[in-house]
Amino acid sequence: MNTKFYVDMEDIYGAHNYSPLDVVLTKGKGIWVWDIENKKYLDFLSAYSAVNHGHCHPRLVKALCEQAKNLTLTSRAFRNDQWPLLTKELCDLTGFEMVLAMNSGAEAVETAIKAARMWGYQKKGIPENQAEVITCENNFHGRTITVISFSTEEHYKKDFGPFTPGFIEVPYGDTEELEKAITHNTAAFLVEPVQAEAGIIIPPEGYLKKAKQICEKNNVLFIADEIQTGLGRTGRLFACDHEGVKPDMAVIGKSLGGGCYAVSAVLSSREILGVFTPGSHGSTFGANPLACAVAREALRVMEEEKFSENSEEQGGYFLKKLKTIKNKYVKDVRGKGLLIGIELKPEAGGARRFCEALMKEGLLCKETHEDMIRFAPPLVIKKKELDWAFKKVKKVFKEIG
């Protein structure tokens, strides 16, 4: 069975809600993956930053297998011995007081919105069903109906209405517009410290700090979506740390499970997450012992192998090299840590063909918003592999441009 067999099988029986590159992967180890025809590739996407640890990290696989032999799921009807330990370890690491675990990033965002609304009604005194959450234009926080309700990307919304009310959009990076949008009914401001899906959009220096000050002044919760940017990806534990900002709520996911198991979480204070009472929110699989055991080991590996430090060092190195590429199609090169993008000019004909050409060279990455090539390799990558990747990128731009 060759690549075409699997591609055809997926196209016939699988819903077409993705447009993947036609590479069929069957094995992964560290920063490398192999397809069914045994061709080797450097993974330069990390499953959208979920595989920060690299593929099949031996310590994570061991933790997964050992826990799977003992206990995998209890639901929250009963307690298990892994969830309490994860809560303390996460709080000790991040400085937050309380954790609520879910499975996917979108679920965690929904949880943060629910907590913000409850807090708004119970603590701030917002009239019932009048709570508003301010979000940013070009945001990406997931795919649920409520989350796409405040997306400004029409493709994500077409034919999915009616939408959830209560959201106000403001331009990203504009604190004046944020302040204008706040009313007594504003419960929270939800923001990505770096807009990854929108094209590695980095806000102006000082934006996050100023936005947090505005929120504090107006008794509005500052919620940071760190699902893609958190846990070392941008060169700090959280991307907000670059400006010394402590959110009222932080949403994490993706690499929390080390690329081995789906787990997400909302981190906050007792005052905020304390609004939940038994029965007000939940998830059958949330905080399951298998996910928690993997997450605990993922956090230990992240700290011991110094992911943040390596991301900052290697990201700065690679960004500097990419900026040396002189090509008529390159509009901009930008990034923070190992979250980097090359923005192309309209005449480049889209980023997809560049990603397909890179795939043929053994480098796997993906386009975002048609004109951006996103690079986000596992945080264990070293200069030697980045040098190899740079040669491939340079070759493709020379051949296409």
Protein backbone atom coordinates (compact mmCIF):
# COMPACT_ATOMS: atom_id res chain seq x y z
CA MET A 1 0.00 0.00 0.00
CA ASN A 2 1.48 3.32 -1.09
CA THR A 3 0.79 6.97 -0.32
CA LYS A 4 -1.94 7.19 -2.98
CA PHE A 5 -3.86 4.32 -1.38
CA TYR A 6 -4.10 6.12 1.98
CA VAL A 7 -4.83 9.51 0.43
CA ASP A 8 -7.64 8.02 -1.66
CA MET A 9 -9.04 6.10 1.32
CA GLU A 10 -9.15 9.25 3.44
CA ASP A 11 -10.72 11.28 0.65
CA ILE A 12 -13.47 8.69 0.18
CA TYR A 13 -14.38 7.98 3.81
CA GLY A 14 -13.12 10.97 5.76
CA ALA A 15 -14.89 14.33 5.98
CA HIS A 16 -13.00 16.98 4.03
CA ASN A 17 -12.60 19.53 6.82
CA TYR A 18 -8.82 19.68 6.35
CA SER A 19 -6.50 20.08 3.39
CA PRO A 20 -3.37 18.23 4.53
CA LEU A 21 -0.20 17.84 2.54
CA ASP A 22 -0.12 14.46 0.83
CA VAL A 23 2.39 12.82 3.13
CA VAL A 24 1.27 9.76 5.10
CA LEU A 25 3.27 9.51 8.32
CA THR A 26 3.73 6.27 10.19
CA LYS A 27 6.60 6.81 12.67
CA GLY A 28 8.15 9.63 14.65
CA LYS A 29 11.18 10.05 16.87
CA GLY A 30 12.30 13.39 18.25
CA ILE A 31 12.20 16.04 15.54
CA TRP A 32 12.01 13.45 12.74
CA VAL A 33 9.10 11.58 11.16
CA TRP A 34 8.90 8.88 8.49
CA ASP A 35 6.21 8.21 5.91
CA ILE A 36 4.88 4.81 4.84
CA GLU A 37 7.45 4.68 2.05
CA ASN A 38 10.19 5.21 4.65
CA LYS A 39 11.12 8.72 3.57
CA LYS A 40 12.46 10.81 6.44
CA TYR A 41 11.26 14.35 7.20
CA LEU A 42 12.06 17.07 9.68
CA ASP A 43 8.83 18.07 11.45
CA PHE A 44 8.76 21.86 11.32
CA LEU A 45 5.19 22.28 12.58
CA SER A 46 5.02 20.15 15.76
CA ALA A 47 1.29 19.51 15.27
CA TYR A 48 0.66 23.24 15.71
CA SER A 49 2.95 23.36 18.78
CA ALA A 50 1.47 20.26 20.45
CA VAL A 51 4.66 18.24 19.93
CA ASN A 52 7.08 20.59 21.67
CA HIS A 53 8.80 17.59 23.27
CA GLY A 54 9.43 15.92 19.94
CA HIS A 55 7.72 12.76 18.78
CA CYS A 56 7.41 9.81 21.17
CA HIS A 57 9.65 11.24 23.86
CA PRO A 58 10.77 8.11 25.75
CA ARG A 59 9.89 9.51 29.16
CA LEU A 60 6.40 10.46 28.04
CA VAL A 61 5.82 7.10 26.36
CA LYS A 62 6.95 5.38 29.55
CA ALA A 63 4.61 7.50 31.70
CA LEU A 64 1.75 6.83 29.29
CA CYS A 65 2.29 3.07 29.25
CA GLU A 66 2.79 2.73 32.99
CA GLN A 67 -0.36 4.69 33.79
CA ALA A 68 -2.33 2.85 31.10
CA LYS A 69 -1.58 -0.42 32.90
CA ASN A 70 -2.96 0.93 36.17
CA LEU A 71 -5.92 3.23 35.55
CA THR A 72 -7.04 5.26 32.54
CA LEU A 73 -10.41 6.79 33.38
CA THR A 74 -12.62 7.32 36.41
CA SER A 75 -14.69 10.32 35.32
CA ARG A 76 -15.05 13.02 37.97
CA ALA A 77 -17.63 10.93 39.81
CA PHE A 78 -14.64 9.58 41.74
CA ARG A 79 -11.19 10.91 42.58
CA ASN A 80 -7.92 9.62 41.16
CA ASP A 81 -4.36 9.89 42.41
CA GLN A 82 -2.91 11.82 39.43
CA TRP A 83 -5.17 14.89 39.16
CA PRO A 84 -4.39 16.31 42.64
CA LEU A 85 -0.66 16.03 41.97
CA LEU A 86 -0.96 17.75 38.59
CA THR A 87 -2.94 20.64 40.12
CA LYS A 88 -0.23 21.35 42.69
CA GLU A 89 2.62 20.97 40.22
CA LEU A 90 0.95 23.31 37.73
CA CYS A 91 0.24 25.91 40.42
CA ASP A 92 3.79 25.66 41.79
CA LEU A 93 5.21 26.11 38.29
CA THR A 94 2.98 28.97 37.15
CA GLY A 95 2.11 30.86 40.34
CA PHE A 96 -1.64 30.48 39.88
CA GLU A 97 -3.88 29.25 42.70
CA MET A 98 -6.30 26.90 41.00
CA VAL A 99 -6.62 24.69 37.91
CA LEU A 100 -9.55 23.30 35.94
CA ALA A 101 -8.64 20.58 33.44
CA MET A 102 -10.35 19.84 30.15
CA ASN A 103 -9.29 17.96 27.01
CA SER A 104 -8.99 20.22 23.97
CA GLY A 105 -7.90 23.82 23.71
CA ALA A 106 -11.32 24.91 22.50
CA GLU A 107 -12.91 23.31 25.57
CA ALA A 108 -10.53 25.22 27.79
CA VAL A 109 -11.37 28.50 26.05
CA GLU A 110 -15.08 27.76 26.52
CA THR A 111 -14.34 27.07 30.19
CA ALA A 112 -12.55 30.40 30.59
CA ILE A 113 -15.49 32.24 28.98
CA LYS A 114 -17.98 30.49 31.26
CA ALA A 115 -15.86 31.34 34.30
CA ALA A 116 -15.60 34.97 33.20
CA ARG A 117 -19.34 35.28 32.75
CA MET A 118 -20.08 33.64 36.12
CA TRP A 119 -17.53 35.90 37.79
CA GLY A 120 -19.10 38.91 36.06
CA TYR A 121 -22.55 38.10 37.42
CA GLN A 122 -21.55 36.91 40.88
CA LYS A 123 -18.60 39.19 41.70
CA LYS A 124 -18.86 42.28 39.49
CA GLY A 125 -22.64 42.65 39.51
CA ILE A 126 -23.27 42.58 35.77
CA PRO A 127 -27.00 42.21 35.07
CA GLU A 128 -27.99 38.63 34.25
CA ASN A 129 -27.40 37.64 30.59
CA GLN A 130 -25.74 41.00 29.80
CA ALA A 131 -22.06 40.01 30.20
CA GLU A 132 -19.72 40.94 27.36
CA VAL A 133 -16.30 39.57 26.47
CA ILE A 134 -13.95 41.66 24.33
CA THR A 135 -11.89 39.75 21.76
CA CYS A 136 -9.48 40.78 19.02
CA GLU A 137 -9.89 40.87 15.27
CA ASN A 138 -8.18 38.00 13.43
CA ASN A 139 -8.27 35.87 16.58
CA PHE A 140 -8.20 32.09 16.64
CA HIS A 141 -9.39 30.34 19.80
CA GLY A 142 -10.93 27.14 18.43
CA ARG A 143 -13.82 25.81 16.39
CA THR A 144 -16.88 25.51 18.64
CA ILE A 145 -20.01 27.52 17.81
CA THR A 146 -19.39 29.97 20.66
CA VAL A 147 -15.72 30.44 19.76
CA ILE A 148 -16.34 31.03 16.05
CA SER A 149 -19.09 33.46 17.06
CA PHE A 150 -16.38 36.01 17.80
CA SER A 151 -14.08 35.08 14.93
CA THR A 152 -13.60 37.72 12.24
CA GLU A 153 -12.61 35.07 9.68
CA GLU A 154 -15.73 34.60 7.55
CA HIS A 155 -14.61 31.21 6.27
CA TYR A 156 -14.76 29.85 9.83
CA LYS A 157 -18.33 31.11 10.25
CA LYS A 158 -20.08 30.54 6.91
CA ASP A 159 -23.23 28.39 7.25
CA PHE A 160 -22.75 27.83 11.00
CA GLY A 161 -25.07 30.54 12.38
CA PRO A 162 -26.91 31.65 14.40
CA PHE A 163 -24.07 32.65 16.71
CA THR A 164 -23.59 33.19 20.41
CA PRO A 165 -24.07 36.85 21.41
CA GLY A 166 -22.06 38.80 23.97
CA PHE A 167 -18.76 39.39 22.19
CA ILE A 168 -17.16 42.65 21.05
CA GLU A 169 -14.21 42.68 18.63
CA VAL A 170 -11.45 45.31 18.69
CA PRO A 171 -8.29 45.67 16.58
CA TYR A 172 -5.37 43.59 17.83
CA GLY A 173 -2.58 45.66 19.33
CA ASP A 174 -4.75 48.76 19.85
CA THR A 175 -5.19 49.62 23.54
CA GLU A 176 -7.14 52.80 22.81
CA GLU A 177 -9.87 50.82 21.07
CA LEU A 178 -9.82 48.28 23.89
CA GLU A 179 -10.44 51.00 26.46
CA LYS A 180 -13.25 52.51 24.37
CA ALA A 181 -15.01 49.14 24.11
CA ILE A 182 -15.17 48.53 27.87
CA THR A 183 -18.50 49.08 29.61
CA HIS A 184 -19.92 48.10 33.00
CA ASN A 185 -21.05 44.86 31.36
CA THR A 186 -17.55 43.89 30.24
CA ALA A 187 -16.51 40.75 32.09
CA ALA A 188 -13.26 39.94 30.31
CA PHE A 189 -10.76 40.62 27.57
CA LEU A 190 -9.58 37.48 25.73
CA VAL A 191 -6.32 37.78 23.79
CA GLU A 192 -3.53 35.75 22.20
CA PRO A 193 -0.10 37.14 23.20
CA VAL A 194 0.98 36.29 19.65
CA GLN A 195 -1.64 35.58 16.99
CA ALA A 196 -0.23 32.38 15.55
CA GLU A 197 -3.03 31.26 13.24
CA ALA A 198 -3.49 34.79 11.89
CA GLY A 199 0.08 34.76 10.60
CA ILE A 200 2.49 35.11 13.54
CA ILE A 201 1.20 38.58 14.36
CA ILE A 202 3.28 40.09 17.17
CA PRO A 203 1.64 43.04 18.95
CA PRO A 204 3.45 46.35 19.56
CA GLU A 205 5.92 46.40 22.45
CA GLY A 206 4.10 47.12 25.68
CA TYR A 207 0.65 46.20 24.34
CA LEU A 208 0.01 43.35 26.76
CA LYS A 209 1.17 45.34 29.77
CA LYS A 210 -0.98 48.34 28.85
CA ALA A 211 -3.98 46.10 28.14
CA LYS A 212 -3.60 44.43 31.54
CA GLN A 213 -3.47 47.84 33.24
CA ILE A 214 -6.65 48.91 31.44
CA CYS A 215 -8.38 45.71 32.53
CA GLU A 216 -7.32 46.19 36.15
CA LYS A 217 -8.53 49.78 36.17
CA ASN A 218 -11.94 48.74 34.88
CA ASN A 219 -12.36 45.52 36.90
CA VAL A 220 -12.19 43.40 33.75
CA LEU A 221 -10.56 39.96 33.65
CA PHE A 222 -7.50 39.63 31.42
CA ILE A 223 -7.55 36.16 29.79
CA ALA A 224 -4.47 35.01 27.87
CA ASP A 225 -4.90 32.19 25.37
CA GLU A 226 -1.48 30.52 25.65
CA ILE A 227 -2.53 27.27 23.98
CA GLN A 228 -0.02 27.67 21.12
CA THR A 229 2.34 30.21 22.67
CA GLY A 230 2.67 28.78 26.17
CA LEU A 231 4.97 26.23 27.79
CA GLY A 232 8.16 27.47 26.18
CA ARG A 233 7.22 28.03 22.55
CA THR A 234 8.16 31.74 22.41
CA GLY A 235 11.23 31.54 24.64
CA ARG A 236 9.43 31.99 27.98
CA LEU A 237 7.13 29.74 29.98
CA PHE A 238 4.28 31.96 28.78
CA ALA A 239 4.40 34.53 25.99
CA CYS A 240 2.94 37.08 28.45
CA ASP A 241 6.14 36.72 30.48
CA HIS A 242 8.01 38.74 27.83
CA GLU A 243 6.22 41.82 29.21
CA GLY A 244 6.01 40.67 32.80
CA VAL A 245 2.21 40.32 32.59
CA LYS A 246 0.33 37.93 34.89
CA PRO A 247 -3.11 37.20 33.38
CA ASP A 248 -6.17 36.74 35.53
CA MET A 249 -6.71 33.53 33.60
CA ALA A 250 -4.32 31.60 31.37
CA VAL A 251 -5.53 28.92 28.98
CA ILE A 252 -3.09 26.12 28.10
CA GLY A 253 -3.28 22.91 26.09
CA LYS A 254 -1.50 21.31 23.13
CA SER A 255 2.01 20.58 24.48
CA LEU A 256 0.69 20.10 28.03
CA GLY A 257 0.11 16.52 26.90
CA GLY A 258 3.54 16.28 25.28
CA GLY A 259 2.02 15.28 21.95
CA CYS A 260 0.99 11.97 23.52
CA TYR A 261 -2.44 12.71 24.96
CA ALA A 262 -5.04 15.47 24.76
CA VAL A 263 -5.21 17.60 27.90
CA SER A 264 -5.88 21.30 28.46
CA ALA A 265 -6.38 23.54 31.46
CA VAL A 266 -7.48 26.91 32.72
CA LEU A 267 -5.25 28.50 35.36
CA SER A 268 -6.55 31.25 37.62
CA SER A 269 -7.21 32.45 41.17
CA ARG A 270 -9.52 30.94 43.76
CA GLU A 271 -11.79 33.97 43.45
CA ILE A 272 -12.35 33.35 39.74
CA LEU A 273 -12.36 29.57 39.34
CA GLY A 274 -14.06 29.32 42.72
CA VAL A 275 -17.31 30.44 41.07
CA PHE A 276 -17.80 26.90 39.78
CA THR A 277 -19.82 24.62 42.02
CA PRO A 278 -20.58 20.89 41.62
CA GLY A 279 -22.63 20.38 38.49
CA SER A 280 -22.03 23.81 36.98
CA HIS A 281 -19.35 22.60 34.56
CA GLY A 282 -17.63 19.34 33.73
CA SER A 283 -16.16 16.81 31.35
CA THR A 284 -16.19 13.00 31.48
CA PHE A 285 -12.59 12.79 30.30
CA GLY A 286 -11.37 16.02 31.93
CA ALA A 287 -8.60 15.40 34.50
CA ASN A 288 -8.49 11.68 33.70
CA PRO A 289 -5.52 9.89 35.31
CA LEU A 290 -3.90 8.94 32.01
CA ALA A 291 -3.85 12.54 30.78
CA CYS A 292 -2.66 13.84 34.13
CA ALA A 293 0.19 11.35 34.39
CA VAL A 294 1.43 12.31 30.93
CA ALA A 295 1.04 16.04 31.64
CA ARG A 296 3.01 15.73 34.89
CA GLU A 297 5.91 14.08 33.08
CA ALA A 298 5.63 16.56 30.19
CA LEU A 299 6.07 19.46 32.62
CA ARG A 300 9.10 17.82 34.23
CA VAL A 301 10.73 17.19 30.86
CA MET A 302 10.00 20.76 29.76
CA GLU A 303 11.80 22.17 32.81
CA GLU A 304 14.69 19.72 32.95
CA GLU A 305 15.46 19.97 29.24
CA LYS A 306 15.12 23.77 29.33
CA PHE A 307 12.63 24.19 26.53
CA SER A 308 12.15 27.93 27.04
CA GLU A 309 15.86 28.65 26.99
CA ASN A 310 16.43 26.51 23.91
CA SER A 311 13.48 28.10 22.13
CA GLU A 312 14.81 31.59 22.76
CA GLU A 313 18.36 30.70 21.67
CA GLN A 314 17.52 28.60 18.62
CA GLY A 315 14.60 30.80 17.58
CA GLY A 316 16.74 33.91 17.58
CA TYR A 317 19.41 32.10 15.61
CA PHE A 318 17.01 30.76 12.98
CA LEU A 319 15.10 34.03 12.63
CA LYS A 320 18.36 35.86 11.96
CA LYS A 321 19.29 33.36 9.24
CA LEU A 322 15.87 33.55 7.59
CA LYS A 323 16.13 37.34 7.40
CA THR A 324 19.18 36.93 5.14
CA ILE A 325 17.04 35.39 2.38
CA LYS A 326 16.70 37.87 -0.47
CA ASN A 327 13.73 36.97 -2.61
CA LYS A 328 11.19 38.98 -4.56
CA TYR A 329 8.32 37.04 -2.97
CA VAL A 330 9.27 37.62 0.68
CA LYS A 331 7.30 40.41 2.32
CA ASP A 332 8.34 39.91 5.94
CA VAL A 333 10.02 37.45 8.30
CA ARG A 334 8.97 37.60 11.94
CA GLY A 335 8.70 35.50 15.05
CA LYS A 336 9.26 35.03 18.73
CA GLY A 337 11.21 32.06 20.01
CA LEU A 338 10.53 29.06 17.80
CA LEU A 339 7.26 30.43 16.45
CA ILE A 340 8.34 31.97 13.15
CA GLY A 341 6.68 32.88 9.89
CA ILE A 342 7.62 34.02 6.40
CA GLU A 343 4.95 36.28 4.95
CA LEU A 344 4.76 36.25 1.17
CA LYS A 345 3.67 38.94 -1.25
CA PRO A 346 0.43 38.39 -3.22
CA GLU A 347 2.36 37.74 -6.41
CA ALA A 348 3.98 34.68 -4.79
CA GLY A 349 0.84 32.71 -5.59
CA GLY A 350 0.21 31.57 -2.03
CA ALA A 351 2.29 29.71 0.54
CA ARG A 352 0.91 26.26 -0.26
CA ARG A 353 3.24 25.61 -3.18
CA PHE A 354 6.24 26.57 -1.08
CA CYS A 355 5.18 24.11 1.64
CA GLU A 356 4.71 21.38 -0.98
CA ALA A 357 8.18 22.08 -2.37
CA LEU A 358 9.67 21.97 1.14
CA MET A 359 7.92 18.65 1.75
CA LYS A 360 9.70 17.20 -1.30
CA GLU A 361 12.95 18.41 0.26
CA GLY A 362 12.15 16.58 3.51
CA LEU A 363 10.92 19.56 5.53
CA LEU A 364 7.32 19.54 6.79
CA CYS A 365 5.57 22.84 7.49
CA LYS A 366 2.17 24.32 6.67
CA GLU A 367 0.70 27.48 5.26
CA THR A 368 -1.58 29.70 7.32
CA HIS A 369 -3.92 32.36 5.89
CA GLU A 370 -2.68 31.52 2.39
CA ASP A 371 0.32 33.85 2.36
CA MET A 372 2.24 32.77 5.47
CA ILE A 373 4.65 29.86 5.89
CA ARG A 374 4.69 28.87 9.56
CA PHE A 375 7.75 27.30 11.17
CA ALA A 376 7.34 25.77 14.64
CA PRO A 377 9.73 22.84 15.15
CA PRO A 378 9.85 20.83 18.40
CA LEU A 379 11.60 22.73 21.18
CA VAL A 380 14.33 20.09 21.40
CA ILE A 381 15.81 21.11 18.03
CA LYS A 382 19.44 22.21 17.82
CA LYS A 383 21.51 24.45 15.53
CA LYS A 384 22.70 21.55 13.38
CA GLU A 385 19.15 20.64 12.38
CA LEU A 386 18.21 24.30 11.92
CA ASP A 387 21.15 24.76 9.58
CA TRP A 388 19.92 21.78 7.57
CA ALA A 389 16.40 23.23 7.49
CA PHE A 390 17.68 26.65 6.42
CA LYS A 391 19.47 25.13 3.44
CA LYS A 392 16.20 23.54 2.33
CA VAL A 393 14.26 26.78 2.76
CA LYS A 394 16.89 28.75 0.88
CA LYS A 395 16.94 26.18 -1.93
CA VAL A 396 13.17 26.25 -2.38
CA PHE A 397 13.03 30.05 -2.49
CA LYS A 398 15.87 30.08 -5.03
CA GLU A 399 14.15 27.52 -7.26
CA ILE A 400 10.66 29.08 -7.04
CA GLY A 401 11.75 32.71 -6.99
